[in-house]
Amino acid sequence: MPVLVRVQSGEPSAKAVLTRVDTVVRAAFFKPWRKARAGAGRPDLRFHDLRHTGAVLAAQEGATLAELQARLGHTTPAAAMIYQHAASEPDKLLAERLSRRATGAESQA
């Protein structure tokens, strides 16, 4: 896919493809994108789904709110908070394990 080649090469125009959608980008991007989705058996996949997945994975790996905000180009922390939900479940499990240890419940299990 020409767009992926530009992204891998670091060509400046590739960043525009990943950060905004305008008429030029639509013409250059969406035809190969539709072909790639069909080839993957996922014609329902939206480009934003990939952006969301990347942000969720970054949050799960411990990215701070500031890092998510910078990575996604959000101007407010509130927008980046959408992706922090991904880190909440592991935090809940950790809190439960710590509670079991503190109450001695782990030795009874």
N, C-alpha and C. Protein backbone atom coordinates (compact mmCIF):
# COMPACT_ATOMS: atom_id res chain seq x y z
N MET A 1 0.84 -1.18 0.00
CA MET A 1 0.00 0.00 0.00
C MET A 1 0.88 1.24 0.00
N PRO A 2 0.69 2.15 -0.91
CA PRO A 2 1.54 3.33 -0.99
C PRO A 2 1.56 4.15 0.30
N VAL A 3 0.43 4.25 0.99
CA VAL A 3 0.38 5.03 2.22
C VAL A 3 1.28 4.42 3.28
N LEU A 4 1.25 3.09 3.41
CA LEU A 4 2.08 2.43 4.41
C LEU A 4 3.55 2.60 4.09
N VAL A 5 3.92 2.57 2.82
CA VAL A 5 5.31 2.79 2.44
C VAL A 5 5.75 4.18 2.87
N ARG A 6 4.90 5.18 2.65
CA ARG A 6 5.24 6.55 3.06
C ARG A 6 5.37 6.65 4.57
N VAL A 7 4.50 5.97 5.31
CA VAL A 7 4.57 6.01 6.76
C VAL A 7 5.88 5.40 7.23
N GLN A 8 6.24 4.24 6.69
CA GLN A 8 7.46 3.57 7.09
C GLN A 8 8.70 4.37 6.72
N SER A 9 8.66 5.08 5.62
CA SER A 9 9.83 5.86 5.19
C SER A 9 9.95 7.17 5.95
N GLY A 10 8.89 7.55 6.66
CA GLY A 10 8.92 8.80 7.40
C GLY A 10 8.64 10.01 6.53
N GLU A 11 8.14 9.80 5.34
CA GLU A 11 7.84 10.91 4.44
C GLU A 11 6.86 11.86 5.12
N PRO A 12 7.14 13.16 5.11
CA PRO A 12 6.28 14.12 5.83
C PRO A 12 4.81 14.05 5.47
N SER A 13 4.48 13.78 4.21
CA SER A 13 3.07 13.76 3.83
C SER A 13 2.33 12.62 4.52
N ALA A 14 3.05 11.60 4.97
CA ALA A 14 2.41 10.47 5.64
C ALA A 14 1.78 10.92 6.95
N LYS A 15 2.41 11.88 7.63
CA LYS A 15 1.85 12.35 8.89
C LYS A 15 0.48 12.99 8.70
N ALA A 16 0.30 13.66 7.57
CA ALA A 16 -1.00 14.25 7.28
C ALA A 16 -2.06 13.17 7.13
N VAL A 17 -1.68 12.05 6.54
CA VAL A 17 -2.62 10.95 6.37
C VAL A 17 -3.09 10.45 7.73
N LEU A 18 -2.20 10.42 8.70
CA LEU A 18 -2.53 9.86 9.99
C LEU A 18 -3.17 10.85 10.95
N THR A 19 -3.13 12.12 10.65
CA THR A 19 -3.63 13.09 11.60
C THR A 19 -4.88 13.84 11.17
N ARG A 20 -5.18 13.84 9.87
CA ARG A 20 -6.38 14.54 9.45
C ARG A 20 -6.92 13.90 8.18
N VAL A 21 -8.17 14.13 7.96
CA VAL A 21 -8.79 13.61 6.75
C VAL A 21 -9.33 14.80 5.97
N ASP A 22 -8.75 15.01 4.81
CA ASP A 22 -9.25 16.06 3.94
C ASP A 22 -9.43 15.47 2.54
N THR A 23 -9.77 16.29 1.59
CA THR A 23 -10.06 15.80 0.24
C THR A 23 -8.87 15.08 -0.38
N VAL A 24 -7.68 15.64 -0.24
CA VAL A 24 -6.49 15.02 -0.82
C VAL A 24 -6.22 13.67 -0.18
N VAL A 25 -6.32 13.62 1.14
CA VAL A 25 -6.07 12.37 1.85
C VAL A 25 -7.10 11.32 1.47
N ARG A 26 -8.35 11.70 1.37
CA ARG A 26 -9.39 10.74 0.99
C ARG A 26 -9.06 10.10 -0.36
N ALA A 27 -8.66 10.91 -1.31
CA ALA A 27 -8.36 10.39 -2.64
C ALA A 27 -7.16 9.45 -2.61
N ALA A 28 -6.17 9.77 -1.82
CA ALA A 28 -4.95 8.97 -1.77
C ALA A 28 -5.04 7.77 -0.85
N PHE A 29 -5.93 7.81 0.10
CA PHE A 29 -5.93 6.80 1.15
C PHE A 29 -7.07 5.80 1.09
N PHE A 30 -8.27 6.25 0.91
CA PHE A 30 -9.42 5.38 1.14
C PHE A 30 -9.59 4.26 0.12
N LYS A 31 -9.14 4.43 -1.11
CA LYS A 31 -9.25 3.32 -2.06
C LYS A 31 -8.37 2.15 -1.60
N PRO A 32 -7.08 2.35 -1.32
CA PRO A 32 -6.28 1.22 -0.82
C PRO A 32 -6.74 0.74 0.56
N TRP A 33 -7.30 1.63 1.37
CA TRP A 33 -7.81 1.24 2.69
C TRP A 33 -8.97 0.27 2.54
N ARG A 34 -9.89 0.55 1.63
CA ARG A 34 -11.01 -0.37 1.40
C ARG A 34 -10.50 -1.73 0.91
N LYS A 35 -9.51 -1.71 0.05
CA LYS A 35 -8.93 -2.96 -0.47
C LYS A 35 -8.27 -3.75 0.66
N ALA A 36 -7.55 -3.08 1.53
CA ALA A 36 -6.89 -3.76 2.66
C ALA A 36 -7.92 -4.35 3.62
N ARG A 37 -8.99 -3.60 3.89
CA ARG A 37 -10.04 -4.12 4.78
C ARG A 37 -10.69 -5.36 4.20
N ALA A 38 -10.98 -5.31 2.91
CA ALA A 38 -11.58 -6.48 2.26
C ALA A 38 -10.63 -7.67 2.31
N GLY A 39 -9.35 -7.43 2.06
CA GLY A 39 -8.36 -8.50 2.10
C GLY A 39 -8.20 -9.11 3.48
N ALA A 40 -8.44 -8.32 4.50
CA ALA A 40 -8.34 -8.80 5.88
C ALA A 40 -9.66 -9.41 6.36
N GLY A 41 -10.67 -9.35 5.51
CA GLY A 41 -11.97 -9.87 5.91
C GLY A 41 -12.67 -8.99 6.93
N ARG A 42 -12.30 -7.71 6.97
CA ARG A 42 -12.89 -6.76 7.93
C ARG A 42 -13.36 -5.50 7.21
N PRO A 43 -14.35 -5.61 6.33
CA PRO A 43 -14.81 -4.42 5.62
C PRO A 43 -15.46 -3.39 6.54
N ASP A 44 -15.77 -3.80 7.77
CA ASP A 44 -16.40 -2.90 8.73
C ASP A 44 -15.37 -2.05 9.50
N LEU A 45 -14.10 -2.37 9.39
CA LEU A 45 -13.07 -1.68 10.16
C LEU A 45 -12.92 -0.24 9.70
N ARG A 46 -12.95 0.67 10.67
CA ARG A 46 -12.75 2.09 10.37
C ARG A 46 -11.32 2.46 10.72
N PHE A 47 -10.76 3.45 10.06
CA PHE A 47 -9.39 3.86 10.36
C PHE A 47 -9.29 4.32 11.81
N HIS A 48 -10.34 4.96 12.30
CA HIS A 48 -10.32 5.42 13.69
C HIS A 48 -10.23 4.26 14.67
N ASP A 49 -10.72 3.08 14.28
CA ASP A 49 -10.60 1.90 15.14
C ASP A 49 -9.13 1.58 15.40
N LEU A 50 -8.28 1.76 14.39
CA LEU A 50 -6.85 1.51 14.58
C LEU A 50 -6.24 2.54 15.52
N ARG A 51 -6.65 3.78 15.37
CA ARG A 51 -6.17 4.85 16.26
C ARG A 51 -6.58 4.56 17.70
N HIS A 52 -7.83 4.16 17.88
CA HIS A 52 -8.33 3.86 19.21
C HIS A 52 -7.57 2.67 19.81
N THR A 53 -7.37 1.63 19.02
CA THR A 53 -6.64 0.45 19.50
C THR A 53 -5.23 0.83 19.92
N GLY A 54 -4.55 1.63 19.13
CA GLY A 54 -3.20 2.07 19.48
C GLY A 54 -3.18 2.85 20.78
N ALA A 55 -4.15 3.70 20.98
CA ALA A 55 -4.22 4.49 22.22
C ALA A 55 -4.53 3.61 23.42
N VAL A 56 -5.42 2.65 23.25
CA VAL A 56 -5.76 1.73 24.34
C VAL A 56 -4.54 0.89 24.71
N LEU A 57 -3.83 0.38 23.71
CA LEU A 57 -2.64 -0.42 23.99
C LEU A 57 -1.58 0.42 24.71
N ALA A 58 -1.42 1.66 24.30
CA ALA A 58 -0.47 2.55 24.98
C ALA A 58 -0.87 2.76 26.44
N ALA A 59 -2.15 2.95 26.69
CA ALA A 59 -2.64 3.12 28.07
C ALA A 59 -2.40 1.86 28.89
N GLN A 60 -2.65 0.70 28.29
CA GLN A 60 -2.44 -0.56 28.99
C GLN A 60 -0.97 -0.79 29.32
N GLU A 61 -0.10 -0.23 28.50
CA GLU A 61 1.34 -0.37 28.76
C GLU A 61 1.86 0.69 29.72
N GLY A 62 0.96 1.52 30.23
CA GLY A 62 1.34 2.48 31.25
C GLY A 62 1.58 3.90 30.79
N ALA A 63 1.16 4.24 29.58
CA ALA A 63 1.32 5.61 29.12
C ALA A 63 0.58 6.57 30.05
N THR A 64 1.23 7.66 30.36
CA THR A 64 0.59 8.66 31.22
C THR A 64 -0.44 9.44 30.41
N LEU A 65 -1.27 10.16 31.11
CA LEU A 65 -2.27 10.98 30.45
C LEU A 65 -1.59 11.98 29.51
N ALA A 66 -0.50 12.59 29.96
CA ALA A 66 0.22 13.55 29.12
C ALA A 66 0.78 12.88 27.87
N GLU A 67 1.28 11.66 28.02
CA GLU A 67 1.80 10.94 26.86
C GLU A 67 0.70 10.59 25.87
N LEU A 68 -0.43 10.15 26.37
CA LEU A 68 -1.56 9.87 25.48
C LEU A 68 -2.03 11.13 24.78
N GLN A 69 -2.10 12.21 25.53
CA GLN A 69 -2.55 13.48 24.95
C GLN A 69 -1.62 13.91 23.83
N ALA A 70 -0.31 13.80 24.05
CA ALA A 70 0.66 14.19 23.03
C ALA A 70 0.61 13.25 21.83
N ARG A 71 0.52 11.95 22.09
CA ARG A 71 0.50 10.95 21.03
C ARG A 71 -0.71 11.14 20.11
N LEU A 72 -1.85 11.48 20.69
CA LEU A 72 -3.09 11.59 19.93
C LEU A 72 -3.36 13.00 19.42
N GLY A 73 -2.57 13.96 19.87
CA GLY A 73 -2.77 15.32 19.42
C GLY A 73 -3.97 16.00 20.06
N HIS A 74 -4.37 15.52 21.22
CA HIS A 74 -5.51 16.12 21.90
C HIS A 74 -5.08 17.41 22.59
N THR A 75 -5.96 18.38 22.58
CA THR A 75 -5.64 19.67 23.20
C THR A 75 -6.06 19.73 24.65
N THR A 76 -6.89 18.78 25.08
CA THR A 76 -7.34 18.78 26.47
C THR A 76 -7.11 17.40 27.08
N PRO A 77 -6.81 17.35 28.37
CA PRO A 77 -6.68 16.05 29.04
C PRO A 77 -7.97 15.25 28.99
N ALA A 78 -9.11 15.92 28.99
CA ALA A 78 -10.39 15.22 28.99
C ALA A 78 -10.53 14.33 27.76
N ALA A 79 -10.05 14.78 26.62
CA ALA A 79 -10.14 13.97 25.41
C ALA A 79 -9.28 12.72 25.52
N ALA A 80 -8.09 12.86 26.09
CA ALA A 80 -7.19 11.71 26.25
C ALA A 80 -7.69 10.74 27.32
N MET A 81 -8.49 11.23 28.26
CA MET A 81 -9.02 10.36 29.33
C MET A 81 -9.89 9.23 28.78
N ILE A 82 -10.42 9.40 27.60
CA ILE A 82 -11.25 8.36 26.99
C ILE A 82 -10.49 7.04 26.94
N TYR A 83 -9.19 7.12 26.73
CA TYR A 83 -8.37 5.92 26.56
C TYR A 83 -7.83 5.37 27.87
N GLN A 84 -7.93 6.12 28.94
CA GLN A 84 -7.44 5.67 30.23
C GLN A 84 -8.28 4.53 30.79
N HIS A 85 -9.51 4.35 30.30
CA HIS A 85 -10.35 3.26 30.80
C HIS A 85 -9.65 1.92 30.63
N ALA A 86 -8.77 1.84 29.64
CA ALA A 86 -8.08 0.57 29.37
C ALA A 86 -7.18 0.17 30.53
N ALA A 87 -6.69 1.15 31.27
CA ALA A 87 -5.80 0.84 32.37
C ALA A 87 -6.56 0.61 33.67
N SER A 88 -7.86 0.84 33.69
CA SER A 88 -8.60 0.74 34.94
C SER A 88 -8.82 -0.70 35.39
N GLU A 89 -9.03 -1.62 34.48
CA GLU A 89 -9.26 -3.02 34.87
C GLU A 89 -8.01 -3.64 35.50
N PRO A 90 -6.83 -3.50 34.91
CA PRO A 90 -5.64 -4.03 35.59
C PRO A 90 -5.42 -3.39 36.96
N ASP A 91 -5.74 -2.12 37.09
CA ASP A 91 -5.60 -1.44 38.38
C ASP A 91 -6.56 -2.03 39.41
N LYS A 92 -7.77 -2.34 38.98
CA LYS A 92 -8.76 -2.95 39.87
C LYS A 92 -8.28 -4.32 40.35
N LEU A 93 -7.75 -5.12 39.43
CA LEU A 93 -7.24 -6.44 39.80
C LEU A 93 -6.06 -6.34 40.77
N LEU A 94 -5.19 -5.38 40.55
CA LEU A 94 -4.07 -5.17 41.45
C LEU A 94 -4.57 -4.78 42.84
N ALA A 95 -5.54 -3.90 42.90
CA ALA A 95 -6.10 -3.48 44.19
C ALA A 95 -6.71 -4.67 44.93
N GLU A 96 -7.39 -5.55 44.19
CA GLU A 96 -7.98 -6.73 44.82
C GLU A 96 -6.90 -7.66 45.39
N ARG A 97 -5.81 -7.85 44.65
CA ARG A 97 -4.72 -8.70 45.14
C ARG A 97 -4.07 -8.09 46.38
N LEU A 98 -3.89 -6.78 46.35
CA LEU A 98 -3.30 -6.11 47.52
C LEU A 98 -4.23 -6.22 48.73
N SER A 99 -5.53 -6.10 48.50
CA SER A 99 -6.49 -6.24 49.60
C SER A 99 -6.44 -7.64 50.20
N ARG A 100 -6.36 -8.65 49.33
CA ARG A 100 -6.28 -10.02 49.83
C ARG A 100 -5.01 -10.22 50.66
N ARG A 101 -3.92 -9.65 50.21
CA ARG A 101 -2.67 -9.79 50.96
C ARG A 101 -2.78 -9.08 52.30
N ALA A 102 -3.36 -7.89 52.30
CA ALA A 102 -3.47 -7.10 53.54
C ALA A 102 -4.37 -7.77 54.59
N THR A 103 -5.39 -8.47 54.10
CA THR A 103 -6.32 -9.10 55.04
C THR A 103 -5.95 -10.54 55.34
N GLY A 104 -4.88 -11.04 54.72
CA GLY A 104 -4.47 -12.42 54.95
C GLY A 104 -5.28 -13.42 54.17
N ALA A 105 -6.15 -12.97 53.29
CA ALA A 105 -7.02 -13.86 52.53
C ALA A 105 -6.24 -14.67 51.51
N GLU A 106 -5.06 -14.16 51.10
CA GLU A 106 -4.32 -14.88 50.08
C GLU A 106 -3.75 -16.19 50.61
N SER A 107 -3.43 -16.25 51.90
CA SER A 107 -2.88 -17.48 52.45
C SER A 107 -3.96 -18.53 52.66
N GLN A 108 -5.22 -18.11 52.69
CA GLN A 108 -6.33 -19.05 52.87
C GLN A 108 -6.79 -19.62 51.53
N ALA A 109 -6.43 -18.98 50.43
CA ALA A 109 -6.91 -19.41 49.11
C ALA A 109 -6.10 -20.55 48.56
